[in-house]
Structure formats: structure tokens, C-alpha cells
Amino acid sequence: MPGGLALSQNYPNPFNAQTTISYTLPEKGLVSLSVYNPLGQKVATLFDGVQQAGEHKVVWEAAGAPSGVYFYRMTSTQFSETRRMVLIR
């Protein structure tokens, strides 16, 4: 059983076309994972719903998104964290 909530750095970073985001949940709960541009505008919702405890991976297909810095944010009932990633075309 996972020890706590954790949002990992995306891999690869920097990336071209797609990247994988991993996170761990210690118990079943509501989770939201979204990607934002530097202006704070949401560009993608990767997951929004209830998930079981354990390790999870989500792939962001960044087709059509311009090169640059993006931020991904995971929120749950008891946790919120944001990390930075770089898309290079």
C-alpha cells in the first residue's frame, strides 16, 4: 500500500509530442490532473474522477500545443501540487 500522496516529475522532461506523469494515492479518492500554460489557462484535463489507491500513470499527448513551459497540477481532497515541464518541438 502506498505511503502517501505523491506527484512525480514527468518523464521525459523536456519532451517532444508526449510525456508521462506518475502519481501515487494512499487511498481511494477524488483526483484532478490538469495541464496549464504560463498564463494559467487550462490546456488539458488528463484525469478528473475517482481513483483507487496505488500508483497511476497518465500520458499527455501534446499534439498541437506550441513549444514552451507548461505546468501540471494534481489536486485531491487533502493534496495539491504543481510541477513544471517543457515541451520542445
N, C-alpha and C. Protein backbone atom coordinates (compact mmCIF):
# COMPACT_ATOMS: atom_id res chain seq x y z
N MET A 1 0.84 -1.17 0.00
CA MET A 1 0.00 0.00 0.00
C MET A 1 0.89 1.24 0.00
N PRO A 2 0.61 2.23 -0.83
CA PRO A 2 1.42 3.43 -0.89
C PRO A 2 1.46 4.16 0.45
N GLY A 3 2.57 4.86 0.71
CA GLY A 3 2.75 5.55 1.98
C GLY A 3 2.10 6.91 2.04
N GLY A 4 1.88 7.57 0.93
CA GLY A 4 1.30 8.89 0.93
C GLY A 4 1.06 9.40 -0.47
N LEU A 5 0.43 10.54 -0.55
CA LEU A 5 0.19 11.16 -1.85
C LEU A 5 1.51 11.67 -2.41
N ALA A 6 1.73 11.43 -3.69
CA ALA A 6 2.97 11.90 -4.31
C ALA A 6 2.73 12.15 -5.79
N LEU A 7 3.22 13.29 -6.27
CA LEU A 7 3.19 13.63 -7.69
C LEU A 7 4.63 13.65 -8.18
N SER A 8 4.94 12.80 -9.14
CA SER A 8 6.31 12.69 -9.64
C SER A 8 6.55 13.65 -10.80
N GLN A 9 7.83 13.92 -11.06
CA GLN A 9 8.21 14.73 -12.22
C GLN A 9 7.89 13.94 -13.48
N ASN A 10 7.37 14.64 -14.50
CA ASN A 10 7.05 13.96 -15.76
C ASN A 10 8.31 13.39 -16.40
N TYR A 11 8.12 12.39 -17.24
CA TYR A 11 9.24 11.76 -17.94
C TYR A 11 8.86 11.52 -19.39
N PRO A 12 9.66 11.85 -20.35
CA PRO A 12 10.87 12.66 -20.23
C PRO A 12 10.53 14.14 -20.05
N ASN A 13 11.51 14.88 -19.62
CA ASN A 13 11.38 16.32 -19.46
C ASN A 13 12.73 16.95 -19.70
N PRO A 14 12.90 17.74 -20.75
CA PRO A 14 11.91 18.18 -21.73
C PRO A 14 11.45 17.02 -22.61
N PHE A 15 10.31 17.25 -23.29
CA PHE A 15 9.72 16.21 -24.12
C PHE A 15 9.27 16.77 -25.46
N ASN A 16 9.03 15.85 -26.38
CA ASN A 16 8.54 16.20 -27.71
C ASN A 16 7.36 15.27 -28.00
N ALA A 17 6.20 15.82 -28.15
CA ALA A 17 4.97 15.11 -28.52
C ALA A 17 4.22 14.48 -27.35
N GLN A 18 4.90 13.71 -26.49
CA GLN A 18 4.18 13.11 -25.37
C GLN A 18 5.09 12.94 -24.16
N THR A 19 4.45 12.93 -22.98
CA THR A 19 5.17 12.75 -21.74
C THR A 19 4.28 11.97 -20.77
N THR A 20 4.90 11.31 -19.81
CA THR A 20 4.17 10.51 -18.83
C THR A 20 4.26 11.17 -17.46
N ILE A 21 3.12 11.27 -16.80
CA ILE A 21 3.03 11.83 -15.45
C ILE A 21 2.58 10.71 -14.52
N SER A 22 3.33 10.50 -13.43
CA SER A 22 3.02 9.44 -12.46
C SER A 22 2.66 10.05 -11.12
N TYR A 23 1.75 9.39 -10.42
CA TYR A 23 1.40 9.82 -9.07
C TYR A 23 0.92 8.63 -8.26
N THR A 24 0.96 8.78 -6.94
CA THR A 24 0.60 7.72 -6.02
C THR A 24 -0.48 8.21 -5.07
N LEU A 25 -1.47 7.37 -4.85
CA LEU A 25 -2.56 7.67 -3.92
C LEU A 25 -2.56 6.63 -2.80
N PRO A 26 -2.63 7.07 -1.53
CA PRO A 26 -2.64 6.11 -0.42
C PRO A 26 -4.01 5.47 -0.21
N GLU A 27 -5.07 6.11 -0.73
CA GLU A 27 -6.42 5.57 -0.58
C GLU A 27 -7.29 6.05 -1.74
N LYS A 28 -8.39 5.38 -1.93
CA LYS A 28 -9.34 5.76 -2.98
C LYS A 28 -9.82 7.18 -2.74
N GLY A 29 -9.93 7.95 -3.84
CA GLY A 29 -10.40 9.32 -3.67
C GLY A 29 -10.57 10.06 -4.98
N LEU A 30 -11.11 11.24 -4.86
CA LEU A 30 -11.34 12.13 -6.00
C LEU A 30 -10.02 12.78 -6.39
N VAL A 31 -9.69 12.74 -7.69
CA VAL A 31 -8.42 13.27 -8.19
C VAL A 31 -8.69 14.09 -9.44
N SER A 32 -7.97 15.20 -9.55
CA SER A 32 -7.99 16.01 -10.77
C SER A 32 -6.55 16.27 -11.19
N LEU A 33 -6.25 16.03 -12.46
CA LEU A 33 -4.91 16.27 -13.00
C LEU A 33 -5.08 17.06 -14.29
N SER A 34 -4.54 18.28 -14.31
CA SER A 34 -4.70 19.17 -15.46
C SER A 34 -3.38 19.81 -15.85
N VAL A 35 -3.31 20.28 -17.10
CA VAL A 35 -2.12 20.95 -17.64
C VAL A 35 -2.50 22.40 -17.92
N TYR A 36 -1.58 23.33 -17.57
CA TYR A 36 -1.79 24.76 -17.75
C TYR A 36 -0.63 25.39 -18.50
N ASN A 37 -0.93 26.46 -19.24
CA ASN A 37 0.14 27.23 -19.88
C ASN A 37 0.66 28.27 -18.89
N PRO A 38 1.71 29.03 -19.25
CA PRO A 38 2.28 30.01 -18.31
C PRO A 38 1.31 31.13 -17.91
N LEU A 39 0.24 31.34 -18.68
CA LEU A 39 -0.76 32.35 -18.34
C LEU A 39 -1.80 31.82 -17.36
N GLY A 40 -1.68 30.54 -16.99
CA GLY A 40 -2.63 29.94 -16.06
C GLY A 40 -3.89 29.40 -16.73
N GLN A 41 -3.89 29.34 -18.05
CA GLN A 41 -5.04 28.82 -18.78
C GLN A 41 -4.94 27.30 -18.88
N LYS A 42 -6.03 26.61 -18.57
CA LYS A 42 -6.04 25.16 -18.66
C LYS A 42 -6.00 24.76 -20.13
N VAL A 43 -5.03 23.91 -20.50
CA VAL A 43 -4.91 23.44 -21.88
C VAL A 43 -5.32 21.98 -22.03
N ALA A 44 -5.38 21.24 -20.91
CA ALA A 44 -5.79 19.84 -20.98
C ALA A 44 -6.21 19.35 -19.60
N THR A 45 -7.23 18.51 -19.56
CA THR A 45 -7.61 17.79 -18.36
C THR A 45 -7.24 16.33 -18.61
N LEU A 46 -6.28 15.84 -17.84
CA LEU A 46 -5.78 14.49 -18.04
C LEU A 46 -6.59 13.45 -17.27
N PHE A 47 -7.11 13.84 -16.12
CA PHE A 47 -7.97 12.96 -15.35
C PHE A 47 -8.79 13.81 -14.40
N ASP A 48 -10.06 13.40 -14.22
CA ASP A 48 -10.94 14.08 -13.27
C ASP A 48 -11.99 13.08 -12.83
N GLY A 49 -11.78 12.49 -11.65
CA GLY A 49 -12.72 11.50 -11.17
C GLY A 49 -12.17 10.77 -9.97
N VAL A 50 -12.77 9.65 -9.65
CA VAL A 50 -12.38 8.84 -8.50
C VAL A 50 -11.40 7.76 -8.96
N GLN A 51 -10.33 7.58 -8.19
CA GLN A 51 -9.36 6.52 -8.48
C GLN A 51 -9.06 5.71 -7.23
N GLN A 52 -8.69 4.47 -7.45
CA GLN A 52 -8.31 3.57 -6.37
C GLN A 52 -6.92 3.93 -5.86
N ALA A 53 -6.58 3.44 -4.68
CA ALA A 53 -5.24 3.62 -4.12
C ALA A 53 -4.23 2.92 -5.01
N GLY A 54 -3.01 3.46 -5.02
CA GLY A 54 -1.94 2.84 -5.78
C GLY A 54 -1.22 3.81 -6.68
N GLU A 55 -0.36 3.27 -7.54
CA GLU A 55 0.41 4.08 -8.48
C GLU A 55 -0.36 4.21 -9.79
N HIS A 56 -0.35 5.42 -10.34
CA HIS A 56 -1.07 5.71 -11.57
C HIS A 56 -0.16 6.46 -12.54
N LYS A 57 -0.37 6.24 -13.83
CA LYS A 57 0.38 6.94 -14.87
C LYS A 57 -0.60 7.46 -15.91
N VAL A 58 -0.35 8.70 -16.35
CA VAL A 58 -1.17 9.33 -17.38
C VAL A 58 -0.22 9.88 -18.44
N VAL A 59 -0.56 9.69 -19.71
CA VAL A 59 0.25 10.21 -20.80
C VAL A 59 -0.44 11.44 -21.37
N TRP A 60 0.33 12.53 -21.50
CA TRP A 60 -0.18 13.73 -22.16
C TRP A 60 0.33 13.74 -23.59
N GLU A 61 -0.58 13.65 -24.53
CA GLU A 61 -0.28 13.79 -25.95
C GLU A 61 -0.40 15.27 -26.28
N ALA A 62 0.71 15.96 -26.46
CA ALA A 62 0.73 17.41 -26.63
C ALA A 62 0.62 17.83 -28.09
N ALA A 63 -0.07 17.04 -28.90
CA ALA A 63 -0.24 17.38 -30.32
C ALA A 63 -0.94 18.73 -30.45
N GLY A 64 -0.37 19.59 -31.26
CA GLY A 64 -0.96 20.90 -31.49
C GLY A 64 -0.56 21.96 -30.48
N ALA A 65 0.06 21.57 -29.39
CA ALA A 65 0.50 22.55 -28.39
C ALA A 65 1.84 23.13 -28.82
N PRO A 66 2.02 24.45 -28.68
CA PRO A 66 3.30 25.05 -29.06
C PRO A 66 4.40 24.73 -28.06
N SER A 67 5.64 24.85 -28.49
CA SER A 67 6.78 24.67 -27.60
C SER A 67 6.69 25.66 -26.46
N GLY A 68 7.22 25.26 -25.31
CA GLY A 68 7.25 26.17 -24.18
C GLY A 68 7.12 25.46 -22.85
N VAL A 69 6.98 26.25 -21.81
CA VAL A 69 6.86 25.76 -20.45
C VAL A 69 5.37 25.53 -20.14
N TYR A 70 5.09 24.41 -19.52
CA TYR A 70 3.74 24.09 -19.07
C TYR A 70 3.80 23.65 -17.62
N PHE A 71 2.67 23.68 -16.96
CA PHE A 71 2.57 23.26 -15.57
C PHE A 71 1.47 22.22 -15.46
N TYR A 72 1.72 21.17 -14.68
CA TYR A 72 0.65 20.21 -14.42
C TYR A 72 0.36 20.23 -12.93
N ARG A 73 -0.94 20.15 -12.62
CA ARG A 73 -1.40 20.28 -11.24
C ARG A 73 -2.32 19.12 -10.90
N MET A 74 -1.99 18.48 -9.78
CA MET A 74 -2.84 17.42 -9.26
C MET A 74 -3.47 17.91 -7.97
N THR A 75 -4.78 17.73 -7.86
CA THR A 75 -5.48 18.07 -6.63
C THR A 75 -6.32 16.89 -6.19
N SER A 76 -6.45 16.74 -4.89
CA SER A 76 -7.33 15.75 -4.30
C SER A 76 -7.91 16.39 -3.05
N THR A 77 -8.65 15.64 -2.29
CA THR A 77 -9.29 16.17 -1.10
C THR A 77 -8.27 16.75 -0.12
N GLN A 78 -7.11 16.11 0.01
CA GLN A 78 -6.13 16.51 1.01
C GLN A 78 -4.79 16.93 0.43
N PHE A 79 -4.71 17.16 -0.87
CA PHE A 79 -3.40 17.36 -1.50
C PHE A 79 -3.53 18.23 -2.74
N SER A 80 -2.53 19.06 -2.94
CA SER A 80 -2.45 19.85 -4.17
C SER A 80 -0.98 20.12 -4.44
N GLU A 81 -0.55 19.82 -5.67
CA GLU A 81 0.85 20.08 -6.03
C GLU A 81 0.92 20.41 -7.52
N THR A 82 1.86 21.30 -7.84
CA THR A 82 2.09 21.72 -9.22
C THR A 82 3.54 21.48 -9.58
N ARG A 83 3.78 21.01 -10.79
CA ARG A 83 5.14 20.80 -11.30
C ARG A 83 5.26 21.40 -12.69
N ARG A 84 6.49 21.65 -13.07
CA ARG A 84 6.82 22.31 -14.35
C ARG A 84 7.34 21.29 -15.34
N MET A 85 7.00 21.49 -16.63
CA MET A 85 7.55 20.64 -17.69
C MET A 85 7.76 21.51 -18.94
N VAL A 86 8.63 21.02 -19.84
CA VAL A 86 9.00 21.78 -21.03
C VAL A 86 8.73 20.95 -22.28
N LEU A 87 7.97 21.53 -23.19
CA LEU A 87 7.68 20.91 -24.48
C LEU A 87 8.58 21.56 -25.53
N ILE A 88 9.33 20.71 -26.25
CA ILE A 88 10.24 21.19 -27.30
C ILE A 88 9.82 20.53 -28.60
N ARG A 89 9.57 21.34 -29.60
CA ARG A 89 9.20 20.81 -30.93
C ARG A 89 10.40 20.78 -31.82
